[in-house]
Amino acid sequence: MHSSSSLKIDGKQSSRTFYGGHIISMDRYRESFEPWIRSNYPEYADRILNNSSWSPCNIDEACAPIFELEWLKAVRVIRDAAHQIWDELKQLEDINPFEI
């Protein structure tokens, strides 16, 4: 049960494989998943939410763009936080960050 994302984001082809679309779209998670997907990814929401005949592979494929975008968002947040910490450390005059 996996889908290789073939989408392009910012002109780059993804080579990652995604799993778990069937888990996040299960009925017991629908109450929180539906508002989240409609708010954050409205262009994918109807395709994911309105098809009751998904096989696990099909739902993984439908969710692959969301997984890719969320992965890219997480990487950006981590990098931004690391840059912010590094900038703050550079402003300290009497500390060697390699001794922390």
Protein backbone atom coordinates (compact mmCIF):
# COMPACT_ATOMS: atom_id res chain seq x y z
CA MET A 1 0.00 0.00 0.00
CA HIS A 2 2.00 2.90 -1.22
CA SER A 3 2.09 5.47 -3.90
CA SER A 4 5.07 7.05 -5.51
CA SER A 5 4.29 10.67 -5.94
CA SER A 6 4.91 11.79 -9.49
CA LEU A 7 3.88 15.36 -8.92
CA LYS A 8 6.13 18.30 -9.52
CA ILE A 9 6.40 21.05 -6.95
CA ASP A 10 8.45 24.12 -7.77
CA GLY A 11 9.57 22.36 -10.95
CA LYS A 12 11.10 19.42 -9.08
CA GLN A 13 9.93 15.84 -9.40
CA SER A 14 9.35 14.04 -6.11
CA SER A 15 10.99 10.67 -5.62
CA ARG A 16 9.45 9.99 -2.21
CA THR A 17 6.96 7.22 -1.52
CA PHE A 18 3.95 7.92 0.64
CA TYR A 19 1.91 5.62 2.88
CA GLY A 20 -1.04 6.17 5.16
CA GLY A 21 -3.72 7.86 3.10
CA HIS A 22 -6.15 5.12 4.11
CA ILE A 23 -5.42 5.82 7.79
CA ILE A 24 -6.00 9.57 7.79
CA SER A 25 -9.17 9.25 5.74
CA MET A 26 -10.79 6.61 7.99
CA ASP A 27 -14.25 7.38 9.38
CA ARG A 28 -13.02 7.71 12.97
CA TYR A 29 -10.64 10.54 11.96
CA ARG A 30 -13.04 12.18 9.51
CA GLU A 31 -14.38 14.69 12.06
CA SER A 32 -10.99 16.37 12.37
CA PHE A 33 -9.58 15.44 8.96
CA GLU A 34 -12.37 16.94 6.87
CA PRO A 35 -12.16 20.53 8.19
CA TRP A 36 -8.35 20.38 8.06
CA ILE A 37 -8.21 19.17 4.45
CA ARG A 38 -10.91 21.62 3.32
CA SER A 39 -9.10 24.51 4.99
CA ASN A 40 -5.54 23.66 3.94
CA TYR A 41 -5.97 21.84 0.62
CA PRO A 42 -9.41 22.65 -0.81
CA GLU A 43 -8.30 21.66 -4.32
CA TYR A 44 -7.83 18.05 -3.13
CA ALA A 45 -10.60 17.82 -0.50
CA ASP A 46 -13.53 16.72 -2.65
CA ARG A 47 -11.52 14.07 -4.47
CA ILE A 48 -10.38 12.54 -1.19
CA LEU A 49 -13.55 12.94 0.88
CA ASN A 50 -16.29 12.13 -1.63
CA ASN A 51 -15.15 8.75 -2.90
CA SER A 52 -16.23 5.80 -0.77
CA SER A 53 -14.74 3.15 -3.06
CA TRP A 54 -11.07 3.92 -2.50
CA SER A 55 -8.61 1.09 -2.42
CA PRO A 56 -5.65 1.75 -0.12
CA CYS A 57 -3.37 2.36 -3.12
CA ASN A 58 -5.80 4.84 -4.68
CA ILE A 59 -6.21 6.88 -1.50
CA ASP A 60 -2.42 6.94 -1.03
CA GLU A 61 -2.10 8.26 -4.58
CA ALA A 62 -4.79 10.90 -4.00
CA CYS A 63 -3.10 12.01 -0.76
CA ALA A 64 0.45 12.01 -2.20
CA PRO A 65 0.39 15.73 -3.13
CA ILE A 66 -0.70 16.61 0.41
CA PHE A 67 1.98 14.42 1.97
CA GLU A 68 4.57 16.04 -0.30
CA LEU A 69 3.46 19.57 0.54
CA GLU A 70 3.33 18.83 4.27
CA TRP A 71 6.82 17.29 4.11
CA LEU A 72 8.16 20.38 2.34
CA LYS A 73 6.44 22.61 4.91
CA ALA A 74 8.03 20.67 7.79
CA VAL A 75 11.49 20.90 6.22
CA ARG A 76 11.06 24.66 5.74
CA VAL A 77 9.97 25.16 9.37
CA ILE A 78 12.95 23.18 10.66
CA ARG A 79 15.39 25.09 8.45
CA ASP A 80 13.92 28.45 9.44
CA ALA A 81 14.18 27.55 13.13
CA ALA A 82 17.78 26.42 12.70
CA HIS A 83 18.68 29.67 10.91
CA GLN A 84 16.99 31.72 13.62
CA ILE A 85 18.88 29.88 16.36
CA TRP A 86 22.16 30.26 14.49
CA ASP A 87 21.55 34.01 14.01
CA GLU A 88 20.82 34.40 17.73
CA LEU A 89 23.97 32.48 18.65
CA LYS A 90 26.06 34.67 16.35
CA GLN A 91 24.83 37.76 18.19
CA LEU A 92 26.23 36.49 21.47
CA GLU A 93 29.72 37.87 21.97
CA ASP A 94 31.26 35.48 24.44
CA ILE A 95 29.97 32.06 23.41
CA ASN A 96 31.40 29.40 21.19
CA PRO A 97 28.43 27.48 19.72
CA PHE A 98 30.62 24.43 19.25
CA GLU A 99 31.05 24.19 23.03
CA ILE A 100 27.33 24.09 23.74
